[in-house]
Amino acid sequence: MVFKLVNFSHSFLILCVFMTISCMEEEKPVTLGSSVVEKGISMTSSKAVQGKVEVYLISSTSTEGELLAKALNAKGQEIGRSKQILNLGKDDAKLVSFNFDASVNLDEVSRYMLDFRKK
């Protein structure tokens, strides 16, 4: 009886460790492109998990435009994008969320970069 209990506990522990490791997804880094930095925008926090990117942006000047979140692979090539209209006043801040659709292979994404759409 004691052997069965120990064997069950050992198996349960291994299963828990495996499930924890398999459920943990590596968070991808988020960087600001030059067009964002040039407009006086800084980022104080970011979170990128399962095709959703959230960034907290602070603007030192009034800024308006279409902000793109680009999904980049290990070679730095764009493999997906999501967009949001950004409208920040001077000394304003906002949490901005981007959602990538299912067509983007998230396993290939190594990082995300925010940039303004070129006019």
N, C-alpha and C. Protein backbone atom coordinates (compact mmCIF):
# COMPACT_ATOMS: atom_id res chain seq x y z
N MET A 1 0.81 -1.19 0.00
CA MET A 1 0.00 0.00 0.00
C MET A 1 0.86 1.26 0.00
N VAL A 2 1.90 1.27 0.83
CA VAL A 2 2.79 2.41 0.91
C VAL A 2 3.50 2.59 -0.42
N PHE A 3 3.91 1.51 -1.07
CA PHE A 3 4.60 1.57 -2.36
C PHE A 3 3.70 2.21 -3.41
N LYS A 4 2.43 1.83 -3.45
CA LYS A 4 1.50 2.39 -4.42
C LYS A 4 1.29 3.88 -4.18
N LEU A 5 1.21 4.30 -2.94
CA LEU A 5 1.03 5.71 -2.60
C LEU A 5 2.25 6.52 -3.02
N VAL A 6 3.44 6.02 -2.75
CA VAL A 6 4.67 6.71 -3.14
C VAL A 6 4.77 6.78 -4.66
N ASN A 7 4.46 5.68 -5.34
CA ASN A 7 4.51 5.64 -6.80
C ASN A 7 3.53 6.64 -7.40
N PHE A 8 2.32 6.73 -6.85
CA PHE A 8 1.31 7.68 -7.31
C PHE A 8 1.78 9.11 -7.08
N SER A 9 2.32 9.40 -5.91
CA SER A 9 2.80 10.75 -5.58
C SER A 9 3.91 11.17 -6.52
N HIS A 10 4.81 10.25 -6.82
CA HIS A 10 5.93 10.54 -7.72
C HIS A 10 5.40 10.85 -9.12
N SER A 11 4.46 10.05 -9.61
CA SER A 11 3.87 10.28 -10.93
C SER A 11 3.11 11.59 -10.99
N PHE A 12 2.38 11.89 -9.93
CA PHE A 12 1.62 13.13 -9.87
C PHE A 12 2.57 14.34 -9.90
N LEU A 13 3.66 14.27 -9.17
CA LEU A 13 4.64 15.35 -9.13
C LEU A 13 5.25 15.57 -10.51
N ILE A 14 5.62 14.53 -11.19
CA ILE A 14 6.18 14.63 -12.54
C ILE A 14 5.16 15.25 -13.48
N LEU A 15 3.92 14.83 -13.40
CA LEU A 15 2.86 15.38 -14.24
C LEU A 15 2.67 16.88 -13.99
N CYS A 16 2.67 17.29 -12.74
CA CYS A 16 2.52 18.72 -12.40
C CYS A 16 3.66 19.55 -12.96
N VAL A 17 4.88 19.06 -12.83
CA VAL A 17 6.04 19.78 -13.35
C VAL A 17 5.95 19.89 -14.87
N PHE A 18 5.61 18.82 -15.54
CA PHE A 18 5.48 18.82 -16.99
C PHE A 18 4.41 19.80 -17.46
N MET A 19 3.26 19.81 -16.78
CA MET A 19 2.18 20.71 -17.16
C MET A 19 2.58 22.17 -16.95
N THR A 20 3.28 22.45 -15.87
CA THR A 20 3.72 23.82 -15.61
C THR A 20 4.68 24.29 -16.68
N ILE A 21 5.63 23.46 -17.04
CA ILE A 21 6.62 23.83 -18.06
C ILE A 21 5.95 23.98 -19.42
N SER A 22 5.06 23.09 -19.78
CA SER A 22 4.44 23.15 -21.10
C SER A 22 3.47 24.32 -21.23
N CYS A 23 2.89 24.78 -20.13
CA CYS A 23 1.95 25.89 -20.18
C CYS A 23 2.65 27.24 -20.18
N MET A 24 3.89 27.27 -19.78
CA MET A 24 4.62 28.54 -19.74
C MET A 24 5.08 28.89 -21.14
N GLU A 25 4.63 30.03 -21.63
CA GLU A 25 5.05 30.50 -22.93
C GLU A 25 6.06 31.61 -22.73
N GLU A 26 7.13 31.55 -23.49
CA GLU A 26 8.16 32.58 -23.38
C GLU A 26 7.59 33.91 -23.83
N GLU A 27 7.72 34.91 -22.98
CA GLU A 27 7.26 36.25 -23.34
C GLU A 27 8.25 36.86 -24.31
N LYS A 28 7.74 37.44 -25.38
CA LYS A 28 8.58 38.03 -26.42
C LYS A 28 8.86 39.49 -26.11
N PRO A 29 10.09 39.97 -26.39
CA PRO A 29 10.40 41.38 -26.12
C PRO A 29 9.67 42.31 -27.09
N VAL A 30 9.40 43.52 -26.61
CA VAL A 30 8.77 44.57 -27.42
C VAL A 30 9.71 45.76 -27.42
N THR A 31 10.00 46.29 -28.62
CA THR A 31 10.87 47.46 -28.74
C THR A 31 10.14 48.57 -29.48
N LEU A 32 10.65 49.79 -29.32
CA LEU A 32 10.09 50.94 -30.03
C LEU A 32 10.96 51.26 -31.24
N GLY A 33 10.31 51.47 -32.39
CA GLY A 33 11.02 51.86 -33.60
C GLY A 33 11.42 53.32 -33.54
N SER A 34 12.28 53.72 -34.46
CA SER A 34 12.80 55.09 -34.46
C SER A 34 11.70 56.13 -34.64
N SER A 35 10.66 55.82 -35.44
CA SER A 35 9.60 56.81 -35.65
C SER A 35 8.81 57.07 -34.38
N VAL A 36 8.74 56.12 -33.48
CA VAL A 36 8.04 56.28 -32.21
C VAL A 36 8.91 57.10 -31.25
N VAL A 37 10.18 56.77 -31.17
CA VAL A 37 11.10 57.47 -30.28
C VAL A 37 11.25 58.93 -30.70
N GLU A 38 11.30 59.19 -32.01
CA GLU A 38 11.45 60.55 -32.52
C GLU A 38 10.26 61.45 -32.16
N LYS A 39 9.10 60.85 -31.91
CA LYS A 39 7.91 61.63 -31.55
C LYS A 39 7.80 61.83 -30.04
N GLY A 40 8.85 61.46 -29.30
CA GLY A 40 8.86 61.70 -27.86
C GLY A 40 8.03 60.71 -27.06
N ILE A 41 7.88 59.50 -27.58
CA ILE A 41 7.09 58.48 -26.88
C ILE A 41 8.05 57.48 -26.23
N SER A 42 7.76 57.15 -24.98
CA SER A 42 8.53 56.13 -24.28
C SER A 42 7.57 55.03 -23.81
N MET A 43 8.15 53.88 -23.51
CA MET A 43 7.36 52.73 -23.07
C MET A 43 7.86 52.34 -21.69
N THR A 44 6.95 52.23 -20.73
CA THR A 44 7.37 51.86 -19.39
C THR A 44 7.13 50.39 -19.08
N SER A 45 6.22 49.75 -19.81
CA SER A 45 6.00 48.32 -19.60
C SER A 45 5.42 47.71 -20.86
N SER A 46 5.66 46.42 -21.00
CA SER A 46 5.11 45.69 -22.15
C SER A 46 4.86 44.25 -21.76
N LYS A 47 3.92 43.65 -22.46
CA LYS A 47 3.58 42.25 -22.24
C LYS A 47 3.16 41.69 -23.59
N ALA A 48 3.77 40.59 -23.99
CA ALA A 48 3.45 39.96 -25.27
C ALA A 48 3.29 38.46 -25.06
N VAL A 49 2.05 38.01 -25.03
CA VAL A 49 1.77 36.60 -24.79
C VAL A 49 0.63 36.15 -25.70
N GLN A 50 0.82 35.02 -26.37
CA GLN A 50 -0.21 34.36 -27.18
C GLN A 50 -0.86 35.29 -28.18
N GLY A 51 -0.06 36.04 -28.92
CA GLY A 51 -0.59 36.88 -29.99
C GLY A 51 -1.22 38.17 -29.54
N LYS A 52 -1.08 38.52 -28.28
CA LYS A 52 -1.59 39.79 -27.78
C LYS A 52 -0.42 40.58 -27.20
N VAL A 53 -0.27 41.82 -27.67
CA VAL A 53 0.80 42.69 -27.20
C VAL A 53 0.17 43.89 -26.51
N GLU A 54 0.58 44.15 -25.27
CA GLU A 54 0.11 45.31 -24.51
C GLU A 54 1.31 46.15 -24.13
N VAL A 55 1.21 47.45 -24.38
CA VAL A 55 2.30 48.37 -24.03
C VAL A 55 1.71 49.60 -23.34
N TYR A 56 2.45 50.12 -22.38
CA TYR A 56 2.06 51.36 -21.71
C TYR A 56 2.97 52.44 -22.26
N LEU A 57 2.38 53.40 -22.96
CA LEU A 57 3.13 54.45 -23.63
C LEU A 57 2.92 55.79 -22.95
N ILE A 58 4.00 56.58 -22.88
CA ILE A 58 3.95 57.93 -22.33
C ILE A 58 4.49 58.88 -23.40
N SER A 59 3.78 59.96 -23.64
CA SER A 59 4.16 60.92 -24.67
C SER A 59 4.57 62.25 -24.04
N SER A 60 5.71 62.76 -24.48
CA SER A 60 6.15 64.07 -23.99
C SER A 60 5.58 65.20 -24.85
N THR A 61 5.11 64.88 -26.05
CA THR A 61 4.49 65.86 -26.95
C THR A 61 3.18 65.29 -27.48
N SER A 62 2.37 66.14 -28.07
CA SER A 62 1.13 65.65 -28.70
C SER A 62 1.50 64.79 -29.90
N THR A 63 0.87 63.63 -29.98
CA THR A 63 1.19 62.69 -31.05
C THR A 63 -0.09 62.03 -31.55
N GLU A 64 -0.17 61.88 -32.86
CA GLU A 64 -1.33 61.25 -33.47
C GLU A 64 -0.87 60.47 -34.69
N GLY A 65 -1.44 59.29 -34.90
CA GLY A 65 -1.12 58.52 -36.10
C GLY A 65 -1.47 57.06 -35.94
N GLU A 66 -1.21 56.31 -36.99
CA GLU A 66 -1.49 54.87 -36.98
C GLU A 66 -0.25 54.13 -36.51
N LEU A 67 -0.37 53.49 -35.36
CA LEU A 67 0.73 52.77 -34.74
C LEU A 67 0.65 51.30 -35.13
N LEU A 68 1.76 50.76 -35.62
CA LEU A 68 1.83 49.37 -36.04
C LEU A 68 2.66 48.57 -35.06
N ALA A 69 2.17 47.40 -34.70
CA ALA A 69 2.96 46.42 -33.96
C ALA A 69 3.36 45.37 -34.98
N LYS A 70 4.66 45.24 -35.21
CA LYS A 70 5.17 44.30 -36.21
C LYS A 70 5.74 43.07 -35.50
N ALA A 71 5.31 41.89 -35.93
CA ALA A 71 5.86 40.64 -35.42
C ALA A 71 7.06 40.30 -36.30
N LEU A 72 8.21 40.12 -35.66
CA LEU A 72 9.45 39.86 -36.40
C LEU A 72 10.00 38.48 -36.06
N ASN A 73 10.56 37.82 -37.07
CA ASN A 73 11.17 36.51 -36.84
C ASN A 73 12.62 36.69 -36.41
N ALA A 74 13.35 35.59 -36.26
CA ALA A 74 14.73 35.63 -35.78
C ALA A 74 15.66 36.39 -36.73
N LYS A 75 15.30 36.48 -38.02
CA LYS A 75 16.11 37.20 -39.00
C LYS A 75 15.75 38.68 -39.06
N GLY A 76 14.78 39.11 -38.25
CA GLY A 76 14.34 40.50 -38.25
C GLY A 76 13.34 40.82 -39.35
N GLN A 77 12.80 39.78 -39.99
CA GLN A 77 11.82 39.96 -41.06
C GLN A 77 10.42 40.04 -40.47
N GLU A 78 9.61 40.94 -41.03
CA GLU A 78 8.23 41.07 -40.57
C GLU A 78 7.42 39.87 -41.05
N ILE A 79 6.69 39.25 -40.11
CA ILE A 79 5.84 38.11 -40.47
C ILE A 79 4.39 38.33 -40.07
N GLY A 80 4.08 39.50 -39.53
CA GLY A 80 2.71 39.83 -39.17
C GLY A 80 2.65 41.23 -38.61
N ARG A 81 1.46 41.81 -38.63
CA ARG A 81 1.28 43.14 -38.04
C ARG A 81 -0.14 43.33 -37.55
N SER A 82 -0.24 44.26 -36.60
CA SER A 82 -1.52 44.67 -36.05
C SER A 82 -1.43 46.19 -35.90
N LYS A 83 -2.57 46.88 -35.95
CA LYS A 83 -2.51 48.34 -35.90
C LYS A 83 -3.55 48.91 -34.95
N GLN A 84 -3.24 50.12 -34.46
CA GLN A 84 -4.14 50.88 -33.61
C GLN A 84 -3.94 52.36 -33.94
N ILE A 85 -5.01 53.12 -33.88
CA ILE A 85 -4.89 54.58 -34.02
C ILE A 85 -4.48 55.11 -32.65
N LEU A 86 -3.41 55.90 -32.63
CA LEU A 86 -2.90 56.46 -31.39
C LEU A 86 -3.12 57.96 -31.38
N ASN A 87 -3.67 58.46 -30.30
CA ASN A 87 -3.89 59.90 -30.13
C ASN A 87 -3.54 60.24 -28.69
N LEU A 88 -2.34 60.80 -28.51
CA LEU A 88 -1.87 61.17 -27.18
C LEU A 88 -1.60 62.66 -27.13
N GLY A 89 -2.03 63.32 -26.08
CA GLY A 89 -1.72 64.72 -25.87
C GLY A 89 -0.37 64.85 -25.19
N LYS A 90 0.06 66.09 -25.00
CA LYS A 90 1.32 66.35 -24.31
C LYS A 90 1.22 65.82 -22.89
N ASP A 91 2.27 65.13 -22.44
CA ASP A 91 2.33 64.54 -21.11
C ASP A 91 1.13 63.63 -20.85
N ASP A 92 0.79 62.82 -21.86
CA ASP A 92 -0.33 61.88 -21.78
C ASP A 92 0.23 60.46 -21.75
N ALA A 93 -0.59 59.51 -21.33
CA ALA A 93 -0.18 58.12 -21.28
C ALA A 93 -1.38 57.23 -21.57
N LYS A 94 -1.07 56.02 -22.07
CA LYS A 94 -2.17 55.12 -22.44
C LYS A 94 -1.65 53.69 -22.54
N LEU A 95 -2.48 52.73 -22.13
CA LEU A 95 -2.21 51.32 -22.35
C LEU A 95 -2.80 50.96 -23.72
N VAL A 96 -1.97 50.47 -24.61
CA VAL A 96 -2.41 50.15 -25.97
C VAL A 96 -2.27 48.65 -26.18
N SER A 97 -3.30 48.02 -26.76
CA SER A 97 -3.30 46.57 -27.01
C SER A 97 -3.36 46.29 -28.50
N PHE A 98 -2.60 45.29 -28.91
CA PHE A 98 -2.59 44.83 -30.30
C PHE A 98 -2.88 43.33 -30.29
N ASN A 99 -3.76 42.90 -31.19
CA ASN A 99 -4.08 41.48 -31.31
C ASN A 99 -3.67 40.99 -32.69
N PHE A 100 -2.91 39.92 -32.73
CA PHE A 100 -2.49 39.32 -33.99
C PHE A 100 -3.43 38.17 -34.31
N ASP A 101 -3.82 38.07 -35.59
CA ASP A 101 -4.76 37.03 -35.95
C ASP A 101 -4.08 35.66 -36.06
N ALA A 102 -4.88 34.65 -36.25
CA ALA A 102 -4.41 33.26 -36.25
C ALA A 102 -3.48 32.94 -37.42
N SER A 103 -3.45 33.79 -38.45
CA SER A 103 -2.58 33.51 -39.59
C SER A 103 -1.10 33.74 -39.27
N VAL A 104 -0.80 34.44 -38.18
CA VAL A 104 0.58 34.67 -37.78
C VAL A 104 1.08 33.47 -36.99
N ASN A 105 2.17 32.86 -37.46
CA ASN A 105 2.75 31.71 -36.77
C ASN A 105 3.53 32.23 -35.56
N LEU A 106 2.92 32.16 -34.40
CA LEU A 106 3.51 32.73 -33.18
C LEU A 106 4.80 32.03 -32.77
N ASP A 107 4.99 30.77 -33.19
CA ASP A 107 6.22 30.06 -32.88
C ASP A 107 7.42 30.68 -33.58
N GLU A 108 7.20 31.36 -34.69
CA GLU A 108 8.29 31.99 -35.44
C GLU A 108 8.61 33.40 -34.96
N VAL A 109 7.75 33.99 -34.15
CA VAL A 109 7.96 35.36 -33.68
C VAL A 109 9.05 35.36 -32.62
N SER A 110 10.08 36.21 -32.81
CA SER A 110 11.13 36.32 -31.80
C SER A 110 11.01 37.63 -31.02
N ARG A 111 10.36 38.65 -31.62
CA ARG A 111 10.16 39.91 -30.93
C ARG A 111 9.10 40.73 -31.66
N TYR A 112 8.65 41.80 -31.02
CA TYR A 112 7.69 42.73 -31.61
C TYR A 112 8.31 44.12 -31.62
N MET A 113 7.97 44.91 -32.63
CA MET A 113 8.46 46.29 -32.70
C MET A 113 7.29 47.21 -33.04
N LEU A 114 7.22 48.34 -32.34
CA LEU A 114 6.19 49.34 -32.60
C LEU A 114 6.77 50.44 -33.48
N ASP A 115 6.05 50.81 -34.51
CA ASP A 115 6.45 51.88 -35.42
C ASP A 115 5.21 52.57 -35.95
N PHE A 116 5.35 53.82 -36.36
CA PHE A 116 4.25 54.51 -37.01
C PHE A 116 4.23 54.15 -38.49
N ARG A 117 3.02 54.08 -39.04
CA ARG A 117 2.88 53.83 -40.49
C ARG A 117 3.46 55.01 -41.23
N LYS A 118 4.22 54.70 -42.27
CA LYS A 118 4.81 55.77 -43.10
C LYS A 118 3.72 56.40 -43.94
N LYS A 119 3.78 57.72 -44.06
CA LYS A 119 2.77 58.45 -44.85
C LYS A 119 3.19 58.54 -46.29
